[in-house]
Amino acid sequence: MPRLHRLILENHCYHTISATLGRRRLFERQELAEIVMASLTRVREQEAYILAYAIMPDHLHVVFAPRAPHTVADVMQSIKGYSAFEMNKVLGRRGRLWQPSYYDRLIRNEKHLRDTIEYVEWNPVTAGFVESPDAYAYSSANPDAQRDFGRWLDDGRG
């Protein structure tokens, strides 16, 4: 059976989950988690509005709205490609660090968006890493986090 193409809807939000290859707990290392943070910052500049995220030890949750002409696939390629390149330099190795594919789910309405953001930001609490979402350094719930919710709404996308 031929591979099905992903359905792309402009101006919609998506929740994506990407796992590391072999579910390696790479992001327990601060320097590697910070590289993923840098990749999210790069994507925010032109490709997508980042609405929420959580960098877990072996996977990444991101809620975003791609900016035309970029697609979900473009954004994920940017995040995973940049971060793998930079992490490989730190690790002194070559090759894949992420599983080849990713899970994505279209956000259907405002309640779904709120629930998804809550799920993503509470993920570190559920995993037992912190007692409150704002205490996790690698999440959009952290007070120092940069995200684009207001900008996305102001630009008429929301």
C-alpha atoms as a PDB file:
ATOM      1  CA  MET A   1       0.000   0.000   0.000  1.00  0.00           C
ATOM      2  CA  PRO A   2       1.439   3.424  -0.906  1.00  0.00           C
ATOM      3  CA  ARG A   3       2.200   5.825   1.930  1.00  0.00           C
ATOM      4  CA  LEU A   4      -0.597   8.281   2.619  1.00  0.00           C
ATOM      5  CA  HIS A   5       0.245  11.961   2.616  1.00  0.00           C
ATOM      6  CA  ARG A   6      -0.515  14.073   5.665  1.00  0.00           C
ATOM      7  CA  LEU A   7      -3.550  16.320   5.435  1.00  0.00           C
ATOM      8  CA  ILE A   8      -2.446  19.955   5.680  1.00  0.00           C
ATOM      9  CA  LEU A   9      -4.869  22.664   6.779  1.00  0.00           C
ATOM     10  CA  GLU A  10      -3.647  26.258   6.742  1.00  0.00           C
ATOM     11  CA  ASN A  11      -3.920  28.362   9.898  1.00  0.00           C
ATOM     12  CA  HIS A  12      -4.570  25.347  12.100  1.00  0.00           C
ATOM     13  CA  CYS A  13      -2.650  24.140  15.134  1.00  0.00           C
ATOM     14  CA  TYR A  14      -1.082  20.739  15.534  1.00  0.00           C
ATOM     15  CA  HIS A  15       0.194  18.725  18.463  1.00  0.00           C
ATOM     16  CA  THR A  16       3.266  16.728  17.497  1.00  0.00           C
ATOM     17  CA  ILE A  17       5.271  14.167  19.413  1.00  0.00           C
ATOM     18  CA  SER A  18       8.740  13.060  18.330  1.00  0.00           C
ATOM     19  CA  ALA A  19      10.744  10.373  20.083  1.00  0.00           C
ATOM     20  CA  THR A  20      14.474   9.875  20.104  1.00  0.00           C
ATOM     21  CA  LEU A  21      15.838   6.871  18.266  1.00  0.00           C
ATOM     22  CA  GLY A  22      15.621   3.874  20.568  1.00  0.00           C
ATOM     23  CA  ARG A  23      13.939   6.130  23.137  1.00  0.00           C
ATOM     24  CA  ARG A  24      17.388   7.192  24.342  1.00  0.00           C
ATOM     25  CA  ARG A  25      17.111   9.655  27.227  1.00  0.00           C
ATOM     26  CA  LEU A  26      19.237  12.272  25.484  1.00  0.00           C
ATOM     27  CA  PHE A  27      17.500  15.279  26.980  1.00  0.00           C
ATOM     28  CA  GLU A  28      18.507  14.425  30.509  1.00  0.00           C
ATOM     29  CA  ARG A  29      21.681  16.230  29.436  1.00  0.00           C
ATOM     30  CA  GLN A  30      21.095  19.958  29.803  1.00  0.00           C
ATOM     31  CA  GLU A  31      23.235  20.885  26.801  1.00  0.00           C
ATOM     32  CA  LEU A  32      21.199  18.598  24.526  1.00  0.00           C
ATOM     33  CA  ALA A  33      17.851  19.869  25.837  1.00  0.00           C
ATOM     34  CA  GLU A  34      19.096  23.418  25.215  1.00  0.00           C
ATOM     35  CA  ILE A  35      19.861  22.529  21.601  1.00  0.00           C
ATOM     36  CA  VAL A  36      16.230  21.473  21.156  1.00  0.00           C
ATOM     37  CA  MET A  37      15.199  24.779  22.760  1.00  0.00           C
ATOM     38  CA  ALA A  38      17.396  26.580  20.220  1.00  0.00           C
ATOM     39  CA  SER A  39      15.752  24.665  17.384  1.00  0.00           C
ATOM     40  CA  LEU A  40      12.332  25.811  18.618  1.00  0.00           C
ATOM     41  CA  THR A  41      13.594  29.398  18.706  1.00  0.00           C
ATOM     42  CA  ARG A  42      14.832  29.091  15.109  1.00  0.00           C
ATOM     43  CA  VAL A  43      11.454  27.748  13.972  1.00  0.00           C
ATOM     44  CA  ARG A  44       9.628  30.597  15.756  1.00  0.00           C
ATOM     45  CA  GLU A  45      11.507  33.135  13.641  1.00  0.00           C
ATOM     46  CA  GLN A  46       9.848  32.231  10.335  1.00  0.00           C
ATOM     47  CA  GLU A  47       8.227  28.828  10.107  1.00  0.00           C
ATOM     48  CA  ALA A  48       5.658  28.461  12.878  1.00  0.00           C
ATOM     49  CA  TYR A  49       3.982  29.920  15.920  1.00  0.00           C
ATOM     50  CA  ILE A  50       5.070  27.820  18.905  1.00  0.00           C
ATOM     51  CA  LEU A  51       2.134  27.664  21.325  1.00  0.00           C
ATOM     52  CA  ALA A  52       3.357  25.048  23.813  1.00  0.00           C
ATOM     53  CA  TYR A  53       6.128  22.498  24.243  1.00  0.00           C
ATOM     54  CA  ALA A  54       7.731  20.086  26.668  1.00  0.00           C
ATOM     55  CA  ILE A  55      11.137  18.510  26.145  1.00  0.00           C
ATOM     56  CA  MET A  56      10.984  15.199  27.967  1.00  0.00           C
ATOM     57  CA  PRO A  57      14.048  12.948  28.462  1.00  0.00           C
ATOM     58  CA  ASP A  58      13.321  10.816  25.369  1.00  0.00           C
ATOM     59  CA  HIS A  59      10.681  12.717  23.411  1.00  0.00           C
ATOM     60  CA  LEU A  60       9.404  16.143  22.453  1.00  0.00           C
ATOM     61  CA  HIS A  61       5.875  17.560  22.506  1.00  0.00           C
ATOM     62  CA  VAL A  62       5.213  20.687  20.449  1.00  0.00           C
ATOM     63  CA  VAL A  63       1.929  22.493  19.801  1.00  0.00           C
ATOM     64  CA  PHE A  64       2.334  24.858  16.873  1.00  0.00           C
ATOM     65  CA  ALA A  65       0.670  26.559  13.934  1.00  0.00           C
ATOM     66  CA  PRO A  66       2.777  26.500  10.752  1.00  0.00           C
ATOM     67  CA  ARG A  67       3.110  29.812   8.913  1.00  0.00           C
ATOM     68  CA  ALA A  68       2.410  29.687   5.184  1.00  0.00           C
ATOM     69  CA  PRO A  69       4.005  28.410   3.051  1.00  0.00           C
ATOM     70  CA  HIS A  70       5.470  26.040   5.664  1.00  0.00           C
ATOM     71  CA  THR A  71       3.816  22.744   6.529  1.00  0.00           C
ATOM     72  CA  VAL A  72       3.863  20.496   9.579  1.00  0.00           C
ATOM     73  CA  ALA A  73       6.474  18.371   7.812  1.00  0.00           C
ATOM     74  CA  ASP A  74       8.658  21.431   7.119  1.00  0.00           C
ATOM     75  CA  VAL A  75       8.532  22.513  10.749  1.00  0.00           C
ATOM     76  CA  MET A  76       9.303  19.039  12.069  1.00  0.00           C
ATOM     77  CA  GLN A  77      12.185  18.655   9.604  1.00  0.00           C
ATOM     78  CA  SER A  78      13.611  21.963  10.827  1.00  0.00           C
ATOM     79  CA  ILE A  79      13.312  21.063  14.509  1.00  0.00           C
ATOM     80  CA  LYS A  80      14.658  17.551  14.178  1.00  0.00           C
ATOM     81  CA  GLY A  81      17.245  18.283  11.476  1.00  0.00           C
ATOM     82  CA  TYR A  82      18.846  21.274  13.206  1.00  0.00           C
ATOM     83  CA  SER A  83      18.813  19.658  16.643  1.00  0.00           C
ATOM     84  CA  ALA A  84      20.269  16.359  15.370  1.00  0.00           C
ATOM     85  CA  PHE A  85      23.057  18.170  13.530  1.00  0.00           C
ATOM     86  CA  GLU A  86      23.982  20.220  16.604  1.00  0.00           C
ATOM     87  CA  MET A  87      23.614  17.338  19.063  1.00  0.00           C
ATOM     88  CA  ASN A  88      25.804  15.103  16.904  1.00  0.00           C
ATOM     89  CA  LYS A  89      28.536  17.759  17.073  1.00  0.00           C
ATOM     90  CA  VAL A  90      28.329  17.785  20.874  1.00  0.00           C
ATOM     91  CA  LEU A  91      28.263  13.987  21.033  1.00  0.00           C
ATOM     92  CA  GLY A  92      31.093  13.595  18.506  1.00  0.00           C
ATOM     93  CA  ARG A  93      29.096  11.241  16.343  1.00  0.00           C
ATOM     94  CA  ARG A  94      27.086  11.014  13.114  1.00  0.00           C
ATOM     95  CA  GLY A  95      23.707   9.586  12.282  1.00  0.00           C
ATOM     96  CA  ARG A  96      20.102   9.726  13.364  1.00  0.00           C
ATOM     97  CA  LEU A  97      19.112  10.786  16.828  1.00  0.00           C
ATOM     98  CA  TRP A  98      15.345  10.999  16.249  1.00  0.00           C
ATOM     99  CA  GLN A  99      12.927   8.320  15.138  1.00  0.00           C
ATOM    100  CA  PRO A 100      12.211   8.930  11.444  1.00  0.00           C
ATOM    101  CA  SER A 101       8.545   9.784  11.821  1.00  0.00           C
ATOM    102  CA  TYR A 102       6.453  11.684  14.319  1.00  0.00           C
ATOM    103  CA  TYR A 103       2.917  11.686  15.617  1.00  0.00           C
ATOM    104  CA  ASP A 104       0.735  14.657  14.736  1.00  0.00           C
ATOM    105  CA  ARG A 105      -2.797  15.559  15.614  1.00  0.00           C
ATOM    106  CA  LEU A 106      -4.868  18.429  14.285  1.00  0.00           C
ATOM    107  CA  ILE A 107      -6.277  20.708  16.976  1.00  0.00           C
ATOM    108  CA  ARG A 108      -9.984  20.923  16.237  1.00  0.00           C
ATOM    109  CA  ASN A 109     -11.298  23.753  18.394  1.00  0.00           C
ATOM    110  CA  GLU A 110     -10.485  26.110  21.260  1.00  0.00           C
ATOM    111  CA  LYS A 111     -11.278  23.554  23.985  1.00  0.00           C
ATOM    112  CA  HIS A 112      -9.095  20.952  22.270  1.00  0.00           C
ATOM    113  CA  LEU A 113      -6.279  23.525  22.096  1.00  0.00           C
ATOM    114  CA  ARG A 114      -6.597  24.403  25.798  1.00  0.00           C
ATOM    115  CA  ASP A 115      -6.736  20.726  26.790  1.00  0.00           C
ATOM    116  CA  THR A 116      -3.732  19.876  24.619  1.00  0.00           C
ATOM    117  CA  ILE A 117      -1.614  22.719  25.971  1.00  0.00           C
ATOM    118  CA  GLU A 118      -2.515  21.653  29.501  1.00  0.00           C
ATOM    119  CA  TYR A 119      -1.610  18.042  28.696  1.00  0.00           C
ATOM    120  CA  VAL A 120       1.758  19.052  27.207  1.00  0.00           C
ATOM    121  CA  GLU A 121       2.678  21.426  30.023  1.00  0.00           C
ATOM    122  CA  TRP A 122       1.624  18.980  32.752  1.00  0.00           C
ATOM    123  CA  ASN A 123       3.600  16.117  31.159  1.00  0.00           C
ATOM    124  CA  PRO A 124       6.703  16.719  33.338  1.00  0.00           C
ATOM    125  CA  VAL A 125       4.492  16.761  36.459  1.00  0.00           C
ATOM    126  CA  THR A 126       2.756  13.534  35.450  1.00  0.00           C
ATOM    127  CA  ALA A 127       6.185  11.958  34.884  1.00  0.00           C
ATOM    128  CA  GLY A 128       7.213  12.955  38.408  1.00  0.00           C
ATOM    129  CA  PHE A 129      10.015  15.354  37.429  1.00  0.00           C
ATOM    130  CA  VAL A 130       8.541  18.443  39.118  1.00  0.00           C
ATOM    131  CA  GLU A 131       5.593  19.319  41.334  1.00  0.00           C
ATOM    132  CA  SER A 132       4.204  22.117  39.156  1.00  0.00           C
ATOM    133  CA  PRO A 133       4.428  22.797  35.403  1.00  0.00           C
ATOM    134  CA  ASP A 134       6.158  26.159  35.824  1.00  0.00           C
ATOM    135  CA  ALA A 135       9.056  24.483  37.668  1.00  0.00           C
ATOM    136  CA  TYR A 136      10.167  22.493  34.595  1.00  0.00           C
ATOM    137  CA  ALA A 137      12.932  24.315  32.724  1.00  0.00           C
ATOM    138  CA  TYR A 138      12.185  22.785  29.308  1.00  0.00           C
ATOM    139  CA  SER A 139       8.502  23.555  28.989  1.00  0.00           C
ATOM    140  CA  SER A 140       6.413  26.456  27.759  1.00  0.00           C
ATOM    141  CA  ALA A 141       4.878  26.590  31.258  1.00  0.00           C
ATOM    142  CA  ASN A 142       8.186  27.862  32.644  1.00  0.00           C
ATOM    143  CA  PRO A 143       8.011  31.630  33.338  1.00  0.00           C
ATOM    144  CA  ASP A 144      11.141  32.205  31.203  1.00  0.00           C
ATOM    145  CA  ALA A 145       9.751  30.315  28.201  1.00  0.00           C
ATOM    146  CA  GLN A 146       9.150  32.002  24.891  1.00  0.00           C
ATOM    147  CA  ARG A 147       6.019  31.123  23.003  1.00  0.00           C
ATOM    148  CA  ASP A 148       3.830  32.764  20.411  1.00  0.00           C
ATOM    149  CA  PHE A 149       0.265  32.443  21.643  1.00  0.00           C
ATOM    150  CA  GLY A 150      -0.384  36.192  21.780  1.00  0.00           C
ATOM    151  CA  ARG A 151       1.390  36.829  18.480  1.00  0.00           C
ATOM    152  CA  TRP A 152      -0.568  34.038  16.814  1.00  0.00           C
ATOM    153  CA  LEU A 153      -3.842  35.584  17.995  1.00  0.00           C
ATOM    154  CA  ASP A 154      -2.746  39.114  17.037  1.00  0.00           C
ATOM    155  CA  ASP A 155      -1.823  37.987  13.537  1.00  0.00           C
ATOM    156  CA  GLY A 156      -5.403  36.833  13.029  1.00  0.00           C
ATOM    157  CA  ARG A 157      -4.562  33.160  12.974  1.00  0.00           C
ATOM    158  CA  GLY A 158      -6.378  32.139  16.123  1.00  0.00           C
END
